[in-house]
Protein backbone atom coordinates (compact mmCIF):
# COMPACT_ATOMS: atom_id res chain seq x y z
CA MET A 1 -23.51 -14.20 0.26
CA THR A 2 -22.19 -12.70 -2.97
CA VAL A 3 -22.49 -8.96 -3.47
CA MET A 4 -22.03 -7.55 -6.96
CA ILE A 5 -20.85 -3.97 -7.34
CA ILE A 6 -21.92 -2.48 -10.66
CA GLY A 7 -19.34 0.15 -11.62
CA GLY A 8 -16.67 -1.40 -9.42
CA SER A 9 -13.84 0.30 -11.30
CA GLY A 10 -15.24 3.80 -10.76
CA PHE A 11 -14.59 6.20 -7.89
CA LEU A 12 -17.28 4.98 -5.48
CA GLY A 13 -17.32 1.40 -6.75
CA ALA A 14 -13.57 1.00 -6.22
CA GLU A 15 -13.94 2.07 -2.60
CA LEU A 16 -16.80 -0.39 -2.09
CA VAL A 17 -14.67 -3.17 -3.60
CA ARG A 18 -11.70 -2.21 -1.41
CA ARG A 19 -13.79 -2.22 1.76
CA ALA A 20 -15.46 -5.54 0.91
CA VAL A 21 -12.10 -7.20 0.26
CA SER A 22 -10.58 -5.72 3.44
CA ALA A 23 -13.55 -7.17 5.37
CA GLY A 24 -12.63 -10.63 4.07
CA ARG A 25 -15.29 -10.84 1.37
CA ARG A 26 -14.85 -11.62 -2.32
CA PRO A 27 -17.22 -9.32 -4.18
CA ALA A 28 -18.09 -9.55 -7.83
CA ALA A 29 -17.52 -6.23 -9.56
CA THR A 30 -18.21 -4.91 -13.02
CA PHE A 31 -16.30 -2.60 -15.32
CA HIS A 32 -16.97 -1.05 -18.70
CA SER A 33 -13.50 0.00 -19.91
CA ARG A 34 -11.06 -1.93 -17.73
CA PRO A 35 -11.11 -3.85 -14.45
CA GLY A 36 -10.31 -1.96 -11.30
CA ASN A 37 -7.30 -2.55 -9.09
CA GLY A 38 -9.32 -4.39 -6.44
CA ASP A 39 -7.36 -7.58 -5.97
CA GLY A 40 -9.68 -10.11 -4.42
CA ALA A 41 -12.70 -9.17 -6.54
CA ALA A 42 -14.10 -11.25 -9.39
CA TRP A 43 -14.29 -8.85 -12.36
CA HIS A 44 -16.94 -8.98 -15.10
CA HIS A 45 -17.28 -6.76 -18.16
CA LEU A 46 -20.69 -5.06 -18.32
CA ASP A 47 -22.35 -2.47 -20.50
CA LEU A 48 -25.71 -1.44 -19.02
CA ARG A 49 -26.91 -0.59 -22.55
CA ASP A 50 -26.78 -4.31 -23.41
CA PRO A 51 -29.79 -6.14 -21.89
CA ALA A 52 -28.54 -9.62 -22.81
CA GLY A 53 -25.09 -8.92 -21.37
CA LEU A 54 -26.62 -7.66 -18.13
CA GLU A 55 -28.78 -10.75 -17.75
CA GLU A 56 -25.81 -13.00 -18.53
CA VAL A 57 -23.64 -11.40 -15.83
CA LEU A 58 -26.46 -11.60 -13.26
CA ASP A 59 -27.02 -15.27 -14.09
CA ILE A 60 -23.30 -16.13 -13.94
CA VAL A 61 -22.66 -14.31 -10.65
CA ALA A 62 -26.05 -15.07 -9.05
CA PRO A 63 -25.57 -12.38 -6.40
CA ALA A 64 -27.73 -12.05 -3.31
CA ALA A 65 -27.40 -8.27 -3.57
CA VAL A 66 -26.34 -5.71 -6.16
CA ILE A 67 -25.01 -2.23 -5.49
CA ASN A 68 -25.32 0.07 -8.48
CA ALA A 69 -22.51 2.61 -8.23
CA THR A 70 -22.29 3.42 -11.94
CA SER A 71 -21.86 6.83 -13.44
CA GLY A 72 -23.01 7.31 -16.98
CA GLY A 73 -22.93 11.07 -16.58
CA ALA A 74 -25.16 12.61 -19.20
CA ASP A 75 -25.50 9.32 -21.11
CA TRP A 76 -29.22 8.66 -20.66
CA ALA A 77 -28.89 5.07 -21.94
CA VAL A 78 -26.49 4.21 -19.10
CA THR A 79 -27.62 6.45 -16.27
CA ALA A 80 -31.41 6.15 -16.55
CA GLU A 81 -32.29 3.29 -18.88
CA GLY A 82 -29.43 1.15 -17.54
CA GLY A 83 -30.61 1.67 -13.97
CA ILE A 84 -34.16 0.75 -14.92
CA ARG A 85 -32.94 -2.32 -16.82
CA LEU A 86 -30.84 -3.35 -13.82
CA GLY A 87 -33.81 -2.89 -11.48
CA ARG A 88 -36.08 -5.04 -13.60
CA ALA A 89 -33.51 -7.81 -14.11
CA SER A 90 -32.70 -7.86 -10.39
CA ALA A 91 -36.38 -7.98 -9.39
CA GLU A 92 -37.03 -10.86 -11.80
CA ARG A 93 -34.28 -12.84 -10.03
CA GLY A 94 -35.22 -11.83 -6.49
CA ILE A 95 -31.94 -9.96 -6.03
CA ARG A 96 -31.82 -7.06 -3.57
CA LEU A 97 -30.71 -3.85 -5.27
CA VAL A 98 -29.29 -0.61 -3.94
CA HIS A 99 -28.80 2.37 -6.26
CA VAL A 100 -26.18 4.81 -4.99
CA SER A 101 -25.73 8.24 -6.49
CA SER A 102 -25.00 11.85 -5.77
CA ASP A 103 -26.27 15.11 -7.16
CA ALA A 104 -23.27 15.04 -9.48
CA ILE A 105 -25.19 12.42 -11.44
CA PHE A 106 -28.82 12.96 -10.44
CA SER A 107 -29.95 16.51 -9.76
CA GLY A 108 -33.12 15.18 -8.16
CA ILE A 109 -35.33 15.35 -11.21
CA ILE A 110 -35.25 12.62 -13.82
CA CYS A 111 -37.36 13.13 -16.92
CA GLY A 112 -37.58 11.03 -20.00
CA PRO A 113 -40.00 9.70 -22.57
CA ASP A 114 -41.33 7.02 -20.22
CA LEU A 115 -40.26 8.36 -16.84
CA ALA A 116 -40.82 11.37 -14.64
CA LEU A 117 -39.50 10.89 -11.14
CA VAL A 118 -38.37 13.17 -8.37
CA VAL A 119 -35.91 11.57 -5.97
């Protein structure tokens, strides 16, 4: 079973990659700026603002599960729209998806032109 860690080069994603590799797994992981240091992971460039690029990575990796550990901070296109895009693309492919966050990224209220959600 292949697990893909979106944001694998970030703080949380790097720890998830490290733990997967230490458990004997070979995760797929994504990066935006540069690959992480997780030897044993298959690295893929990904920009969640690019729908075609997201679909291409999902189709190449064909993961059974995706963990979204990205942090776009205040960048709405990454943090909110990217998460929605990832959710839709994963659902279309029957891929299980887990979004992981903290209040450093999501205060609990997400509001946007097409979305109002309290988590």
